[in-house]
Amino acid sequence: MGHAGAAAAAVRYLRSAPAPGPVEALPRPELRCVREDERAPVDPAEFRRVLGHFATGVTVITAPPADGSASPAGFACQSFSSLSLDPPLVCFMVGRTSTTWPRIARAGVFCVNVLSAGQGGLCRAFAISGADKFAGVAYDTAAFSGSPRLAGAAAWIDCTIHAVHTGGDHLIVVGRVVALGAAEQGDPLLFHRGRFGRLDGDSS
């Protein structure tokens, strides 16, 4: 299936893909709206405050131009994780109201740029909606997907869209890794309790 076919399937939110070897695809979960009696009595602000104690890395998800667009797509994302070793899968979460996600879905491919410690400003630039996020940003293109690889990133992971699942007010996007690489040295950018940080060098 080409990029256009994968993108069309992603926009429909679910796509079954045969897994290689002994790995078998699990049944798709039933998709339905959350009923009022299922909503937990948790204040959204308190939810965000408490979950902010979990430190994460920071990424920028990028994709090549699609459907005649002249510019690539990208957005800052801290909800990223490795998922599976065999097959090699990663995932990221994106809000269902995101205006960037449909462009990535139409491309059918994406690149995860793991930001390095000095790239907090770059993260802020990609978190702004409606701006030309790539203005003045140095990057080259990943050989497989053509997605931007941001200069100075700690690592990059080039992927095809493998599946998309619903998760409340977000989508869970699963990517199959095609190529990847990392810088030989340098610390990652961290996010904790609403602030950027970096490793202190103590590995104990």
Protein backbone atom coordinates (compact mmCIF):
# COMPACT_ATOMS: atom_id res chain seq x y z
CA MET A 1 0.00 0.00 0.00
CA GLY A 2 1.39 3.39 -0.96
CA HIS A 3 1.45 6.53 1.15
CA ALA A 4 -1.89 7.73 -0.20
CA GLY A 5 -3.59 4.45 0.71
CA ALA A 6 -2.10 4.45 4.20
CA ALA A 7 -3.20 8.05 4.70
CA ALA A 8 -6.76 7.31 3.66
CA ALA A 9 -6.89 4.44 6.13
CA ALA A 10 -5.47 6.59 8.91
CA VAL A 11 -8.07 9.28 8.36
CA ARG A 12 -10.72 6.59 8.91
CA TYR A 13 -8.92 6.12 12.25
CA LEU A 14 -8.49 2.35 12.16
CA ARG A 15 -6.45 0.21 9.85
CA SER A 16 -5.77 -3.50 10.19
CA ALA A 17 -2.26 -4.50 9.19
CA PRO A 18 -0.96 -8.09 9.14
CA ALA A 19 1.84 -8.53 11.65
CA PRO A 20 5.00 -10.37 10.61
CA GLY A 21 6.06 -13.70 12.08
CA PRO A 22 4.43 -14.91 15.29
CA VAL A 23 2.98 -11.52 16.21
CA GLU A 24 -0.79 -11.54 15.78
CA ALA A 25 -3.03 -8.49 15.57
CA LEU A 26 -5.42 -8.12 18.50
CA PRO A 27 -9.17 -7.64 17.94
CA ARG A 28 -10.13 -4.01 17.49
CA PRO A 29 -11.86 -2.54 20.58
CA GLU A 30 -15.44 -1.36 20.40
CA LEU A 31 -15.51 2.38 19.74
CA ARG A 32 -18.26 4.36 21.45
CA CYS A 33 -18.83 7.64 23.26
CA VAL A 34 -18.10 7.91 26.96
CA ARG A 35 -21.35 8.04 28.93
CA GLU A 36 -21.87 10.64 31.64
CA ASP A 37 -22.02 7.95 34.34
CA GLU A 38 -18.55 6.76 33.28
CA ARG A 39 -16.85 10.11 33.74
CA ALA A 40 -14.51 10.16 36.73
CA PRO A 41 -14.96 13.05 39.19
CA VAL A 42 -11.51 14.48 38.44
CA ASP A 43 -10.95 18.19 37.94
CA PRO A 44 -9.09 18.73 34.64
CA ALA A 45 -6.72 21.28 36.19
CA GLU A 46 -5.86 18.91 39.02
CA PHE A 47 -5.41 16.06 36.56
CA ARG A 48 -2.92 18.13 34.58
CA ARG A 49 -1.09 19.31 37.72
CA VAL A 50 -0.60 15.83 39.14
CA LEU A 51 0.36 14.23 35.82
CA GLY A 52 2.87 17.04 35.35
CA HIS A 53 5.02 15.36 38.00
CA PHE A 54 5.83 12.67 35.44
CA ALA A 55 8.92 13.90 33.60
CA THR A 56 9.02 13.25 29.87
CA GLY A 57 11.18 13.89 26.89
CA VAL A 58 10.00 16.31 24.22
CA THR A 59 9.57 15.62 20.52
CA VAL A 60 8.50 17.37 17.35
CA ILE A 61 6.47 15.19 14.99
CA THR A 62 6.99 16.19 11.35
CA ALA A 63 5.60 15.07 8.00
CA PRO A 64 6.27 16.02 4.37
CA PRO A 65 3.95 18.25 2.34
CA ALA A 66 0.80 16.45 1.21
CA ASP A 67 -2.19 17.17 -1.02
CA GLY A 68 -0.50 20.05 -2.80
CA SER A 69 0.67 21.82 0.35
CA ALA A 70 3.86 23.79 -0.16
CA SER A 71 5.16 23.34 3.37
CA PRO A 72 5.73 20.36 5.67
CA ALA A 73 3.69 19.76 8.81
CA GLY A 74 4.89 19.60 12.40
CA PHE A 75 3.86 19.99 16.02
CA ALA A 76 5.45 19.71 19.47
CA CYS A 77 4.55 16.52 21.30
CA GLN A 78 5.56 15.19 24.71
CA SER A 79 3.09 12.26 24.56
CA PHE A 80 5.43 9.88 22.74
CA SER A 81 6.58 6.38 23.60
CA SER A 82 8.19 3.25 22.25
CA LEU A 83 5.60 0.49 21.91
CA SER A 84 6.92 -2.74 20.42
CA LEU A 85 10.28 -4.28 19.55
CA ASP A 86 8.97 -6.93 17.12
CA PRO A 87 7.61 -5.41 14.97
CA PRO A 88 9.30 -2.08 15.74
CA LEU A 89 6.48 0.27 16.72
CA VAL A 90 6.26 3.66 18.42
CA CYS A 91 3.24 5.79 19.27
CA PHE A 92 2.29 9.37 19.93
CA MET A 93 -0.91 11.00 21.10
CA VAL A 94 -2.50 14.02 19.44
CA GLY A 95 -5.64 16.00 20.28
CA ARG A 96 -8.64 15.24 18.11
CA THR A 97 -9.03 18.97 17.44
CA SER A 98 -5.46 19.32 16.13
CA THR A 99 -5.24 21.10 12.79
CA THR A 100 -1.82 19.57 12.08
CA TRP A 101 -2.82 15.94 12.51
CA PRO A 102 -4.97 15.74 9.33
CA ARG A 103 -1.96 16.87 7.30
CA ILE A 104 0.19 14.13 8.85
CA ALA A 105 -2.56 11.58 8.27
CA ARG A 106 -2.80 12.52 4.60
CA ALA A 107 0.97 12.13 4.24
CA GLY A 108 0.78 8.63 5.71
CA VAL A 109 4.27 8.96 7.19
CA PHE A 110 5.99 10.95 9.93
CA CYS A 111 9.32 11.51 11.66
CA VAL A 112 9.76 11.81 15.42
CA ASN A 113 12.44 14.37 16.30
CA VAL A 114 13.65 13.88 19.89
CA LEU A 115 14.74 17.36 20.98
CA SER A 116 18.06 18.03 22.67
CA ALA A 117 18.61 20.05 25.85
CA GLY A 118 19.10 23.39 24.09
CA GLN A 119 16.00 23.24 21.90
CA GLY A 120 13.34 24.59 24.27
CA GLY A 121 12.76 27.58 22.01
CA LEU A 122 12.28 25.29 19.03
CA CYS A 123 9.68 23.33 20.98
CA ARG A 124 7.78 26.53 21.79
CA ALA A 125 7.81 27.52 18.11
CA PHE A 126 6.24 24.22 17.09
CA ALA A 127 3.61 24.49 19.83
CA ILE A 128 2.10 27.63 18.27
CA SER A 129 -0.94 27.05 16.10
CA GLY A 130 -1.28 28.77 12.75
CA ALA A 131 2.30 30.05 12.48
CA ASP A 132 4.89 29.13 9.85
CA LYS A 133 6.64 26.71 12.17
CA PHE A 134 9.49 25.94 9.80
CA ALA A 135 10.51 29.56 9.14
CA GLY A 136 14.22 29.85 9.88
CA VAL A 137 14.44 26.24 11.10
CA ALA A 138 17.35 24.16 9.79
CA TYR A 139 16.46 20.63 8.71
CA ASP A 140 17.10 17.98 6.11
CA THR A 141 14.71 15.27 4.93
CA ALA A 142 14.52 11.65 6.01
CA ALA A 143 15.42 9.37 3.11
CA PHE A 144 12.34 7.15 3.34
CA SER A 145 9.45 9.46 4.24
CA GLY A 146 10.77 12.86 3.17
CA SER A 147 9.75 14.21 6.60
CA PRO A 148 11.88 17.00 8.08
CA ARG A 149 14.70 15.93 10.39
CA LEU A 150 15.43 18.92 12.60
CA ALA A 151 19.06 19.98 12.93
CA GLY A 152 20.48 19.42 16.40
CA ALA A 153 17.90 16.87 17.49
CA ALA A 154 19.09 14.16 19.87
CA ALA A 155 17.48 11.42 17.76
CA TRP A 156 15.10 10.85 14.87
CA ILE A 157 12.69 8.01 14.09
CA ASP A 158 11.18 7.69 10.61
CA CYS A 159 7.82 5.90 10.44
CA THR A 160 4.79 4.92 8.42
CA ILE A 161 1.35 5.17 10.00
CA HIS A 162 0.52 1.66 11.20
CA ALA A 163 -2.79 2.22 13.03
CA VAL A 164 -4.82 4.94 14.73
CA HIS A 165 -7.04 4.41 17.78
CA THR A 166 -9.35 6.70 19.70
CA GLY A 167 -8.49 7.59 23.30
CA GLY A 168 -10.96 10.05 24.81
CA ASP A 169 -10.25 13.53 23.45
CA HIS A 170 -7.02 12.28 21.80
CA LEU A 171 -5.97 9.90 19.05
CA ILE A 172 -3.33 7.24 19.63
CA VAL A 173 -1.19 7.09 16.49
CA VAL A 174 0.94 3.96 16.07
CA GLY A 175 3.90 4.19 13.72
CA ARG A 176 5.96 1.38 12.23
CA VAL A 177 9.64 2.32 12.34
CA VAL A 178 11.44 2.23 9.01
CA ALA A 179 14.69 4.02 9.89
CA LEU A 180 16.19 5.80 12.88
CA GLY A 181 19.35 7.40 14.20
CA ALA A 182 20.77 9.31 17.16
CA ALA A 183 23.42 11.91 17.91
CA GLU A 184 26.63 10.52 19.37
CA GLN A 185 26.46 12.82 22.39
CA GLY A 186 24.28 15.45 24.04
CA ASP A 187 21.48 15.47 26.60
CA PRO A 188 17.75 15.35 25.78
CA LEU A 189 15.27 18.11 26.52
CA LEU A 190 13.04 17.23 29.49
CA PHE A 191 9.64 18.57 30.53
CA HIS A 192 8.53 18.48 34.16
CA ARG A 193 5.83 20.41 36.05
CA GLY A 194 5.36 22.87 33.22
CA ARG A 195 9.06 23.65 32.73
CA PHE A 196 11.87 22.54 30.49
CA GLY A 197 14.89 20.92 32.12
CA ARG A 198 17.90 18.76 31.45
CA LEU A 199 19.78 15.88 33.02
CA ASP A 200 22.08 16.90 35.87
CA GLY A 201 24.78 14.44 34.85
CA ASP A 202 24.27 12.10 37.82
CA SER A 203 23.62 8.64 36.45
CA SER A 204 23.24 6.97 39.86
